[in-house]
């Protein structure tokens, strides 16, 4: 079954359901008959506002089928609930796992919807006690709530942040263990805090590093020079620009090609 969403550069982008999975992913639907690479992550991997996100650019460069399983607003819990996706990743040559945001993930402070991770499902008594001045019924999206928590009481938010990080690290470790193939951890790291920073630290990445084959870090931001003077993030939406996708594709392609066995001279 085909679906469509508007993408600035490409008009309509095909979406499809993947096998028995209930999730919808960005097309075109891949052929898994041969060897393939998988890419899981959030909005950056999905590639809204670009015709060809970095998984597609990598496919163009190296000629190997690249399966884009990125989903806008997804946290690691999104993929843990889908055995079809986990099986597909485990059967791939390699899975590139994006470091996803810590916010769209259920924890002891709040709960998100399983298939719409950026939507707020409910908050705990602990969070209410930290912010008695707030009416949480006003929030439908996690991002809006997090911005308000920071604005109202930065000290109380440090308690929330610690819980977010703890839950995120546990779920990311679980996800990496469930993907039974070679793995690359991709950290698309903001240069500056734009108010919705991932809040992932180098120490957290170091914990995950022992569970993957490689860690690749790509810095992005409005101040970043990504070639031809193009900015890394769109100022109106915060989504990554085509220049960033090109940069990420280049970094990953170089890493993949470096791992290929070299031909011996005749």
Protein backbone atom coordinates (compact mmCIF):
# COMPACT_ATOMS: atom_id res chain seq x y z
CA UNK A 1 0.00 0.00 0.00
CA UNK A 2 1.48 3.34 -1.02
CA UNK A 3 1.28 6.59 0.90
CA UNK A 4 2.70 10.02 0.29
CA UNK A 5 4.05 13.01 2.17
CA UNK A 6 5.21 16.38 0.92
CA UNK A 7 8.95 16.93 0.74
CA UNK A 8 10.18 20.37 -0.30
CA UNK A 9 12.63 19.26 -2.97
CA UNK A 10 10.78 16.21 -4.22
CA UNK A 11 7.05 16.85 -3.97
CA UNK A 12 5.53 13.53 -2.93
CA UNK A 13 7.63 10.81 -1.29
CA UNK A 14 6.38 7.24 -1.32
CA UNK A 15 5.85 5.48 1.98
CA UNK A 16 5.20 1.78 2.52
CA UNK A 17 4.51 -0.82 5.18
CA UNK A 18 7.42 -3.15 5.76
CA UNK A 19 6.37 -6.81 5.72
CA UNK A 20 4.40 -7.65 8.86
CA UNK A 21 5.52 -4.46 10.53
CA UNK A 22 2.83 -1.97 11.53
CA UNK A 23 5.18 0.92 10.87
CA UNK A 24 5.36 3.03 7.73
CA UNK A 25 8.74 3.86 6.21
CA UNK A 26 10.14 6.04 3.47
CA UNK A 27 10.19 4.45 0.04
CA UNK A 28 10.90 3.26 -2.50
CA UNK A 29 10.39 -0.20 -1.05
CA UNK A 30 13.76 -1.98 -1.13
CA UNK A 31 14.60 -5.36 -2.62
CA UNK A 32 16.06 -7.53 0.14
CA UNK A 33 16.92 -10.41 -2.16
CA UNK A 34 20.65 -9.72 -1.96
CA UNK A 35 23.00 -8.15 0.54
CA UNK A 36 21.88 -4.86 2.03
CA UNK A 37 22.63 -2.25 4.69
CA UNK A 38 20.07 -0.99 7.19
CA UNK A 39 19.73 2.46 8.69
CA UNK A 40 17.61 3.14 11.76
CA UNK A 41 17.09 6.45 13.49
CA UNK A 42 14.83 9.43 13.81
CA UNK A 43 14.08 12.50 11.75
CA UNK A 44 17.64 12.91 10.47
CA UNK A 45 17.72 9.42 8.96
CA UNK A 46 14.24 9.77 7.46
CA UNK A 47 15.34 12.94 5.67
CA UNK A 48 12.41 15.30 5.51
CA UNK A 49 12.86 18.28 3.18
CA UNK A 50 15.44 16.47 1.04
CA UNK A 51 14.99 14.46 -2.12
CA UNK A 52 17.72 11.97 -1.23
CA UNK A 53 18.56 11.43 2.46
CA UNK A 54 21.98 10.09 3.37
CA UNK A 55 21.04 6.36 3.14
CA UNK A 56 20.04 6.90 -0.50
CA UNK A 57 23.18 8.92 -1.20
CA UNK A 58 25.28 6.09 0.22
CA UNK A 59 23.47 3.58 -1.99
CA UNK A 60 24.27 5.75 -5.00
CA UNK A 61 27.93 5.89 -4.01
CA UNK A 62 28.69 2.25 -3.16
CA UNK A 63 26.02 0.36 -5.13
CA UNK A 64 24.68 -1.64 -2.17
CA UNK A 65 20.97 -1.58 -1.30
CA UNK A 66 20.41 0.75 1.66
CA UNK A 67 17.20 0.27 3.65
CA UNK A 68 16.06 3.51 5.27
CA UNK A 69 14.08 2.66 8.41
CA UNK A 70 14.32 6.16 9.86
CA UNK A 71 11.12 7.56 11.36
CA UNK A 72 10.44 11.22 12.24
CA UNK A 73 10.51 11.77 15.99
CA UNK A 74 11.48 8.19 16.82
CA UNK A 75 13.39 7.24 19.93
CA UNK A 76 15.09 3.88 20.52
CA UNK A 77 11.91 2.46 22.04
CA UNK A 78 10.18 2.77 18.67
CA UNK A 79 12.37 0.06 17.13
CA UNK A 80 12.46 -2.20 20.18
CA UNK A 81 8.74 -2.81 19.79
CA UNK A 82 9.00 -4.06 16.21
CA UNK A 83 10.41 -7.60 15.77
CA UNK A 84 10.16 -7.34 11.97
CA UNK A 85 12.46 -4.34 11.91
CA UNK A 86 14.90 -5.95 14.33
CA UNK A 87 15.00 -9.13 12.23
CA UNK A 88 15.57 -7.14 9.06
CA UNK A 89 18.43 -5.24 10.68
CA UNK A 90 19.98 -8.45 12.01
CA UNK A 91 19.99 -9.96 8.51
CA UNK A 92 21.74 -6.98 6.97
CA UNK A 93 25.45 -6.75 6.21
CA UNK A 94 25.66 -3.88 8.64
CA UNK A 95 23.24 -1.66 10.56
CA UNK A 96 23.96 2.04 10.96
CA UNK A 97 22.23 3.21 14.15
CA UNK A 98 21.64 6.93 14.55
CA UNK A 99 22.06 8.40 18.03
CA UNK A 100 18.45 9.45 18.56
CA UNK A 101 17.07 12.15 20.84
CA UNK A 102 16.61 11.37 24.51
CA UNK A 103 13.25 13.16 24.72
CA UNK A 104 10.89 10.87 22.69
CA UNK A 105 11.20 7.94 25.07
CA UNK A 106 9.06 6.77 27.98
CA UNK A 107 10.72 7.03 31.38
CA UNK A 108 9.78 7.48 35.02
CA UNK A 109 8.85 11.11 34.40
CA UNK A 110 6.51 10.76 31.42
CA UNK A 111 5.17 8.30 28.84
CA UNK A 112 5.08 8.61 25.05
CA UNK A 113 2.96 6.75 22.50
CA UNK A 114 4.67 3.61 21.12
CA UNK A 115 4.24 4.55 17.46
CA UNK A 116 4.23 8.35 17.83
CA UNK A 117 7.12 8.93 20.17
CA UNK A 118 6.94 12.72 20.10
CA UNK A 119 3.36 12.69 21.37
CA UNK A 120 2.93 12.87 25.14
CA UNK A 121 0.76 10.11 26.58
CA UNK A 122 0.94 11.02 30.26
CA UNK A 123 3.15 12.28 33.08
CA UNK A 124 4.03 10.74 36.43
CA UNK A 125 3.33 11.99 39.93
CA UNK A 126 7.07 12.60 40.29
CA UNK A 127 7.11 15.09 37.42
CA UNK A 128 3.98 16.80 38.72
CA UNK A 129 5.61 17.21 42.13
CA UNK A 130 8.68 18.78 40.52
CA UNK A 131 6.50 21.26 38.62
CA UNK A 132 3.34 21.90 40.70
CA UNK A 133 2.85 25.23 38.91
CA UNK A 134 2.29 23.59 35.51
CA UNK A 135 -0.90 22.16 34.02
CA UNK A 136 0.39 19.21 32.01
CA UNK A 137 -2.93 18.88 30.21
CA UNK A 138 -1.71 21.78 28.07
CA UNK A 139 0.98 19.64 26.43
CA UNK A 140 0.43 17.30 23.50
CA UNK A 141 4.03 17.00 22.35
CA UNK A 142 7.12 16.11 24.35
CA UNK A 143 9.23 18.83 22.72
CA UNK A 144 6.88 21.61 23.85
CA UNK A 145 6.79 20.23 27.38
CA UNK A 146 10.58 19.95 27.60
CA UNK A 147 11.05 23.55 26.47
CA UNK A 148 8.60 24.70 29.13
CA UNK A 149 10.27 22.64 31.86
CA UNK A 150 13.63 24.25 31.07
CA UNK A 151 12.07 27.71 31.03
CA UNK A 152 10.16 27.39 34.31
CA UNK A 153 12.77 25.72 36.52
CA UNK A 154 16.19 24.80 35.20
CA UNK A 155 17.24 23.16 38.47
CA UNK A 156 14.21 20.86 38.49
CA UNK A 157 14.85 20.05 34.85
CA UNK A 158 18.26 18.63 35.78
CA UNK A 159 16.37 15.88 37.65
CA UNK A 160 14.27 15.22 34.54
CA UNK A 161 17.36 15.23 32.34
CA UNK A 162 19.12 12.67 34.53
CA UNK A 163 16.13 10.33 34.21
CA UNK A 164 15.92 10.89 30.45
CA UNK A 165 19.58 10.01 30.04
CA UNK A 166 19.32 6.92 32.23
CA UNK A 167 16.29 5.57 30.33
CA UNK A 168 17.82 6.42 26.96
CA UNK A 169 21.08 4.66 27.71
CA UNK A 170 19.26 1.52 28.88
CA UNK A 171 17.07 1.40 25.75
CA UNK A 172 19.96 2.10 23.38
CA UNK A 173 21.98 -0.71 24.93
CA UNK A 174 19.00 -3.04 24.58
CA UNK A 175 18.54 -2.02 20.95
CA UNK A 176 22.19 -2.61 20.09
CA UNK A 177 22.12 -6.03 21.72
CA UNK A 178 18.95 -6.98 19.81
CA UNK A 179 20.54 -6.16 16.44
CA UNK A 180 22.67 -9.21 15.73
CA UNK A 181 24.98 -7.99 13.00
CA UNK A 182 27.85 -5.55 12.53
CA UNK A 183 26.88 -2.09 13.74
CA UNK A 184 28.02 1.50 13.31
CA UNK A 185 26.82 4.14 15.77
CA UNK A 186 26.22 7.46 14.01
CA UNK A 187 26.28 10.54 16.22
CA UNK A 188 24.99 13.59 14.34
CA UNK A 189 26.16 16.09 16.90
CA UNK A 190 24.81 19.66 17.13
CA UNK A 191 27.48 22.34 17.26
CA UNK A 192 25.33 24.56 19.44
CA UNK A 193 22.44 24.14 21.86
CA UNK A 194 19.35 25.33 19.97
CA UNK A 195 16.95 24.71 22.86
CA UNK A 196 16.18 21.18 21.72
CA UNK A 197 19.66 19.69 22.01
CA UNK A 198 19.85 15.92 22.10
CA UNK A 199 21.58 16.22 25.51
CA UNK A 200 23.63 13.13 24.73
CA UNK A 201 27.10 13.32 26.26
CA UNK A 202 30.42 11.89 25.14
CA UNK A 203 30.37 9.70 28.25
CA UNK A 204 27.10 8.12 27.10
CA UNK A 205 28.56 7.46 23.66
CA UNK A 206 31.60 5.85 25.28
CA UNK A 207 29.32 3.39 27.11
CA UNK A 208 27.68 2.40 23.82
CA UNK A 209 30.96 2.19 21.92
CA UNK A 210 31.87 -1.25 23.26
CA UNK A 211 28.65 -2.66 21.77
CA UNK A 212 29.28 -1.49 18.18
CA UNK A 213 32.05 -1.97 15.64
CA UNK A 214 32.60 1.72 14.94
CA UNK A 215 31.42 5.13 16.11
CA UNK A 216 31.16 7.96 13.58
CA UNK A 217 30.63 11.55 14.72
CA UNK A 218 29.42 14.25 12.33
CA UNK A 219 29.07 17.80 13.68
CA UNK A 220 26.30 19.99 12.26
CA UNK A 221 24.86 23.40 13.02
CA UNK A 222 24.08 26.79 11.55
CA UNK A 223 27.67 27.89 12.08
CA UNK A 224 29.12 24.82 10.38
CA UNK A 225 30.77 25.27 7.00
CA UNK A 226 29.59 22.27 5.02
CA UNK A 227 30.86 23.24 1.61
CA UNK A 228 29.65 26.08 -0.61
CA UNK A 229 28.75 27.97 2.56
CA UNK A 230 25.59 25.97 3.13
CA UNK A 231 24.22 25.86 6.66
CA UNK A 232 23.75 22.56 8.42
CA UNK A 233 20.26 23.13 9.79
CA UNK A 234 17.22 24.91 8.36
CA UNK A 235 16.48 27.92 10.55
CA UNK A 236 12.72 27.56 10.13
CA UNK A 237 12.38 23.87 11.03
CA UNK A 238 15.66 22.62 12.47
CA UNK A 239 15.71 19.79 9.89
CA UNK A 240 19.05 18.93 8.30
CA UNK A 241 19.87 20.44 4.95
CA UNK A 242 20.97 18.61 1.82
CA UNK A 243 24.55 19.66 2.57
CA UNK A 244 24.52 17.77 5.87
CA UNK A 245 23.10 14.63 4.25
CA UNK A 246 25.87 14.81 1.66
CA UNK A 247 28.50 15.18 4.37
CA UNK A 248 27.13 12.24 6.38
CA UNK A 249 26.94 10.07 3.26
CA UNK A 250 30.57 10.83 2.49
CA UNK A 251 31.74 9.94 6.02
CA UNK A 252 29.82 6.66 6.13
CA UNK A 253 30.74 5.68 2.56
CA UNK A 254 34.42 6.21 3.30
CA UNK A 255 34.14 4.03 6.41
CA UNK A 256 32.32 1.25 4.55
CA UNK A 257 34.77 1.25 1.65
CA UNK A 258 37.74 1.20 4.03
CA UNK A 259 36.39 -2.01 5.55
CA UNK A 260 36.22 -3.80 2.20
CA UNK A 261 39.05 -6.29 1.64
CA UNK A 262 41.78 -4.89 -0.57
CA UNK A 263 42.71 -6.76 -3.74
CA UNK A 264 46.21 -8.18 -3.74
CA UNK A 265 48.46 -7.02 -6.57
CA UNK A 266 48.91 -9.54 -9.37
